[in-house]
Protein backbone atom coordinates (compact mmCIF):
# COMPACT_ATOMS: atom_id res chain seq x y z
CA MET A 1 74.08 105.62 137.48
CA LYS A 2 76.10 105.61 140.70
CA SER A 3 78.26 108.69 141.24
CA GLU A 4 82.02 108.22 141.36
CA THR A 5 84.80 110.35 142.84
CA TYR A 6 87.85 111.29 140.79
CA GLU A 7 90.00 108.89 142.81
CA GLN A 8 87.53 106.02 142.38
CA ALA A 9 87.43 106.72 138.65
CA LEU A 10 91.21 106.67 138.45
CA ARG A 11 91.46 103.36 140.31
CA ARG A 12 88.84 101.79 138.09
CA GLY A 13 90.37 103.18 134.90
CA THR A 14 93.84 102.02 135.92
CA GLN A 15 92.53 98.49 136.46
CA ILE A 16 90.73 98.40 133.08
CA LEU A 17 93.84 99.58 131.21
CA LYS A 18 96.12 97.28 133.19
CA GLN A 19 93.97 94.26 132.25
CA SER A 20 94.27 95.32 128.58
CA LYS A 21 98.08 95.45 128.93
CA ILE A 22 98.30 99.18 128.26
CA PRO A 23 101.72 100.50 129.37
CA GLU A 24 101.58 102.95 132.29
CA PRO A 25 97.87 102.36 133.01
CA ARG A 26 97.64 104.81 135.95
CA PHE A 27 99.30 107.58 133.91
CA GLU A 28 96.93 107.06 130.98
CA ALA A 29 93.89 106.90 133.28
CA GLU A 30 94.96 110.29 134.66
CA LEU A 31 95.39 111.67 131.13
CA PHE A 32 91.92 110.53 130.08
CA LEU A 33 90.22 111.81 133.21
CA SER A 34 91.95 115.20 133.00
CA TYR A 35 90.91 115.36 129.33
CA VAL A 36 87.26 114.58 130.13
CA LEU A 37 87.18 117.03 133.07
CA ASP A 38 89.21 119.65 131.17
CA THR A 39 91.56 120.07 134.09
CA SER A 40 95.19 119.29 134.97
CA ARG A 41 96.46 116.03 136.42
CA ILE A 42 97.52 117.97 139.52
CA HIS A 43 93.93 118.99 140.16
CA LEU A 44 92.83 115.35 140.03
CA LEU A 45 94.99 114.74 143.09
CA ILE A 46 93.93 117.93 144.87
CA ASP A 47 90.22 117.38 144.13
CA GLN A 48 90.23 113.57 144.37
CA ASN A 49 87.04 113.45 146.48
CA LEU A 50 84.96 115.47 143.99
CA GLU A 51 82.36 113.48 142.08
CA MET A 52 82.00 113.19 138.31
CA THR A 53 78.78 114.08 136.54
CA GLU A 54 76.97 111.35 134.63
CA GLU A 55 78.05 112.89 131.33
CA GLN A 56 81.70 113.01 132.43
CA LYS A 57 81.58 109.40 133.56
CA LYS A 58 80.04 108.36 130.23
CA ARG A 59 82.78 110.14 128.23
CA TYR A 60 85.50 108.71 130.48
CA ASP A 61 84.14 105.19 130.00
CA GLN A 62 84.09 105.68 126.23
CA CYS A 63 87.76 106.70 126.31
CA LEU A 64 88.69 103.70 128.45
CA LEU A 65 86.81 101.32 126.15
CA LYS A 66 88.57 102.62 123.04
CA ARG A 67 91.98 102.54 124.71
CA SER A 68 91.37 99.02 126.04
CA HIS A 69 91.07 97.99 122.38
CA HIS A 70 94.49 99.63 121.86
CA GLN A 71 93.29 102.63 119.88
CA PRO A 72 96.04 105.25 120.32
CA TYR A 73 95.50 107.94 122.94
CA ALA A 74 96.06 110.73 120.39
CA GLN A 75 93.29 109.41 118.13
CA ILE A 76 90.85 109.11 121.03
CA VAL A 77 91.35 112.70 122.17
CA GLY A 78 91.84 113.87 118.57
CA LYS A 79 95.07 115.78 119.00
CA LYS A 80 98.81 115.50 119.55
CA GLU A 81 101.46 118.01 120.61
CA PHE A 82 104.43 118.30 118.25
CA MET A 83 107.18 120.93 118.31
CA GLY A 84 105.19 122.79 120.97
CA LEU A 85 102.20 123.08 118.62
CA ASP A 86 98.80 121.38 118.75
CA PHE A 87 97.88 119.07 115.85
CA ILE A 88 94.56 117.43 115.01
CA VAL A 89 94.96 113.70 114.40
CA THR A 90 92.48 111.18 113.01
CA PRO A 91 92.80 107.62 111.66
CA ASP A 92 93.55 109.25 108.25
CA VAL A 93 97.01 110.45 109.31
CA LEU A 94 100.07 109.11 111.04
CA ILE A 95 100.35 110.38 114.62
CA PRO A 96 103.34 112.76 114.86
CA ARG A 97 106.21 111.18 116.81
CA PRO A 98 108.67 112.94 119.14
CA ASP A 99 111.60 111.55 117.11
CA THR A 100 110.35 113.41 114.04
CA GLU A 101 110.98 116.65 115.93
CA ASN A 102 114.70 116.00 115.30
CA ILE A 103 113.96 116.05 111.57
CA VAL A 104 112.23 119.42 111.88
CA GLU A 105 115.00 120.87 114.06
CA ASN A 106 117.60 119.82 111.49
CA ALA A 107 115.51 121.39 108.73
CA LEU A 108 115.36 124.65 110.67
CA GLN A 109 119.15 124.57 111.10
CA VAL A 110 119.63 124.01 107.36
CA LEU A 111 117.25 126.87 106.51
CA LYS A 112 119.21 129.27 108.71
CA THR A 113 122.29 128.61 106.55
CA MET A 114 120.45 129.56 103.35
CA PRO A 115 120.97 133.23 102.45
CA GLN A 116 117.76 133.74 100.47
CA GLN A 117 115.07 136.02 101.88
CA LYS A 118 112.46 133.43 100.90
CA VAL A 119 113.24 129.71 100.94
CA ARG A 120 110.90 127.27 99.20
CA VAL A 121 110.29 124.12 101.23
CA LEU A 122 108.40 120.97 100.21
CA ASP A 123 106.95 118.66 102.87
CA LEU A 124 106.58 115.50 100.78
CA CYS A 125 104.17 112.83 102.09
CA CYS A 126 102.98 115.53 104.47
CA GLY A 127 100.17 113.60 106.23
CA SER A 128 98.92 115.75 109.13
CA GLY A 129 101.23 118.54 107.98
CA ALA A 130 103.21 118.42 111.23
CA ILE A 131 106.63 118.81 109.59
CA GLY A 132 105.77 121.55 107.10
CA ILE A 133 103.54 123.52 109.48
CA SER A 134 106.21 123.45 112.20
CA ILE A 135 108.80 124.72 109.73
CA ALA A 136 106.48 127.51 108.56
CA TYR A 137 105.68 128.45 112.17
CA TYR A 138 109.28 128.67 113.36
CA GLU A 139 111.01 129.96 110.20
CA LYS A 140 109.23 132.95 108.71
CA LYS A 141 111.31 132.99 105.51
CA ALA A 142 110.12 129.48 104.63
CA VAL A 143 107.48 129.29 101.90
CA VAL A 144 106.06 125.82 102.51
CA THR A 145 104.16 123.42 100.27
CA GLY A 146 102.74 120.14 101.59
CA ALA A 147 102.03 117.27 99.20
CA ASP A 148 100.27 113.99 99.86
CA LEU A 149 98.37 111.39 97.85
CA SER A 150 95.59 111.16 100.45
CA VAL A 151 92.79 113.72 100.10
CA ASP A 152 91.65 112.93 103.64
CA ALA A 153 95.14 113.59 105.01
CA LEU A 154 95.27 116.92 103.17
CA LYS A 155 91.98 117.96 104.81
CA ILE A 156 93.58 117.36 108.22
CA ALA A 157 96.73 119.23 107.15
CA LYS A 158 94.60 122.20 106.06
CA ALA A 159 92.81 122.23 109.42
CA ASN A 160 96.15 122.03 111.22
CA ALA A 161 97.60 124.91 109.21
CA GLN A 162 94.61 127.06 110.18
CA ARG A 163 94.79 125.90 113.80
CA ASN A 164 98.43 126.96 114.05
CA ARG A 165 98.00 130.15 112.00
CA THR A 166 100.44 129.16 109.28
CA ASP A 167 100.07 129.83 105.59
CA ILE A 168 101.13 126.76 103.61
CA SER A 169 100.06 125.49 100.18
CA LEU A 170 98.67 121.96 99.93
CA ILE A 171 98.66 119.81 96.79
CA GLN A 172 97.33 116.32 96.16
CA SER A 173 100.14 114.49 94.43
CA ASP A 174 101.61 111.00 94.15
CA LEU A 175 105.11 112.08 95.20
CA PHE A 176 106.25 114.60 92.55
CA GLN A 177 103.65 113.69 89.92
CA ASP A 178 101.52 116.85 90.18
CA LEU A 179 104.24 119.25 91.33
CA SER A 180 105.89 121.78 89.03
CA GLU A 181 107.93 124.19 91.18
CA LEU A 182 111.57 124.11 92.23
CA TYR A 183 112.34 123.89 95.94
CA ASP A 184 115.40 124.75 98.01
CA LEU A 185 114.66 122.08 100.59
CA ILE A 186 112.58 118.89 100.52
CA VAL A 187 111.70 117.34 103.88
CA THR A 188 110.00 113.96 103.92
CA ASN A 189 108.88 111.25 106.29
CA PRO A 190 107.77 108.66 103.73
CA PRO A 191 106.42 105.17 104.44
CA TYR A 192 109.47 103.04 105.31
CA ILE A 193 108.28 99.90 107.11
CA PRO A 194 109.00 96.73 105.07
CA THR A 195 105.67 95.15 104.11
CA ARG A 196 106.41 91.88 105.92
CA GLU A 197 107.10 93.73 109.19
CA ILE A 198 103.79 95.61 109.39
CA ASP A 199 101.99 92.66 111.01
CA GLU A 200 104.72 92.64 113.69
CA LEU A 201 104.02 96.23 114.75
CA SER A 202 102.08 96.93 117.94
CA SER A 203 98.31 96.81 117.54
CA ASP A 204 98.18 100.55 118.36
CA VAL A 205 99.97 101.16 115.05
CA LYS A 206 99.03 98.35 112.67
CA ASP A 207 95.31 98.32 113.52
CA PHE A 208 94.66 102.06 113.75
CA GLU A 209 97.14 104.10 111.73
CA PRO A 210 96.87 104.35 107.90
CA LYS A 211 98.70 101.50 106.20
CA MET A 212 99.57 103.71 103.23
CA ALA A 213 101.61 105.89 105.60
CA LEU A 214 103.53 102.87 106.89
CA ASP A 215 104.13 100.43 104.02
CA GLY A 216 107.45 101.11 102.30
CA GLY A 217 107.37 98.04 100.05
CA GLU A 218 109.33 94.81 100.25
CA THR A 219 112.54 96.34 101.63
CA GLY A 220 111.02 99.51 103.06
CA LEU A 221 113.04 101.54 100.56
CA ASP A 222 110.58 101.94 97.67
CA PHE A 223 109.80 105.58 98.40
CA TYR A 224 113.45 106.59 98.80
CA GLN A 225 114.21 105.10 95.37
CA SER A 226 111.33 107.05 93.82
CA ILE A 227 112.14 110.28 95.67
CA PHE A 228 115.86 110.41 94.84
CA LEU A 229 115.21 109.33 91.26
CA LYS A 230 113.13 112.46 90.59
CA ALA A 231 114.28 114.92 93.26
CA SER A 232 116.89 116.71 91.15
CA ASP A 233 114.12 117.84 88.78
CA TYR A 234 112.41 119.62 91.68
CA LEU A 235 115.41 121.06 93.53
CA THR A 236 117.43 124.19 92.92
CA PRO A 237 121.18 123.62 92.34
CA GLY A 238 122.73 122.64 95.66
CA GLY A 239 119.25 122.06 97.09
CA MET A 240 118.81 119.75 100.07
CA ILE A 241 116.73 116.73 101.03
CA ILE A 242 116.11 115.70 104.64
CA CYS A 243 114.58 112.24 105.02
CA GLU A 244 113.33 110.43 108.08
CA CYS A 245 114.01 106.69 107.96
CA GLY A 246 114.22 103.49 109.99
CA TRP A 247 117.14 102.96 112.36
CA ASN A 248 118.76 100.35 110.06
CA GLN A 249 118.21 102.07 106.71
CA VAL A 250 120.82 104.83 106.61
CA ASN A 251 123.46 102.82 104.75
CA ALA A 252 121.00 101.76 102.05
CA ILE A 253 119.66 105.30 101.68
CA THR A 254 123.22 106.64 101.42
CA CYS A 255 123.80 104.29 98.48
CA ILE A 256 120.55 105.39 96.82
CA ALA A 257 121.44 109.06 97.34
CA LYS A 258 124.90 108.63 95.78
CA LYS A 259 123.42 106.78 92.82
CA TYR A 260 121.33 109.86 91.99
CA ASP A 261 124.10 112.43 92.62
CA PHE A 262 123.32 113.41 96.18
CA SER A 263 125.83 113.46 99.02
CA VAL A 264 124.88 112.65 102.60
CA GLN A 265 125.95 115.62 104.72
CA LYS A 266 124.73 114.36 108.10
CA VAL A 267 123.08 111.39 109.80
CA ILE A 268 120.31 112.44 112.20
CA ARG A 269 119.99 110.41 115.39
CA ASP A 270 116.91 110.09 117.57
CA LEU A 271 116.55 110.60 121.31
CA SER A 272 117.88 107.06 121.90
CA GLY A 273 120.96 107.63 119.72
CA LEU A 274 119.64 105.48 116.87
CA ASP A 275 119.93 106.57 113.23
CA ARG A 276 116.68 108.25 112.26
CA GLY A 277 117.36 110.32 109.16
CA VAL A 278 119.77 111.86 106.68
CA VAL A 279 120.53 115.33 105.38
CA CYS A 280 121.51 115.21 101.70
CA ARG A 281 122.72 117.82 99.21
CA ARG A 282 122.18 117.79 95.50
CA LEU A 283 125.54 117.81 93.74
CA SER A 284 125.65 120.58 91.15
CA HIS A 285 127.01 119.81 87.70
């Protein structure tokens, strides 16, 4: 196998990714090469005339091949940064998105307003555990439970809790079905893509991420209906729900929340200024 310098590898990788219509092909080629070499992107430029070993070239080529088929970068390298923490990701869980950090930050703000010494938090549809683990990491008074229907997702969440040195409970449950405690705050990023729109998603998402974490039913609102229908039975009086949602779903979710005696306290917007979630309070009777 012919040896290849870092710069030659980057040029070749950029061309392969460009032909596969990967956005920012040079940037991603640099990311993959720095991952394989276990070095920084800066060092690739400084050491551009160094040659790769055969094993490094083989691993780099494997990464390029997977990415050229539009497998997400995070799945290929097996991890994703979220809220400054490192999370394991596999095809069994949704890859944590930067916009979801706004949901976590709002949850942390809400928790700071709660006077209790210990606040019980439920991460419903927890997937990789990114939301609940981040809350547990940054708010020490939070006692966090993660619930998900997928056993495989819960295995990843458990590994992520250990990786980030957080102590959270994990329960397999179809929404609230196998839960029995009361919580002060429920945070959830449920499936909310309308079924008919899933085939219109980018291949990175529709072909590689778990459909059960995406499909929100005909209107995309099935899970919100189910969550708000039962939530009062699992919340303390005045308890809160924070939901992530699609940019065009806030009005519909507001109606659902009101129907089940919740008031929308705040609309959360993402980094682009689009609606991305709601903060709701249970009305006490």
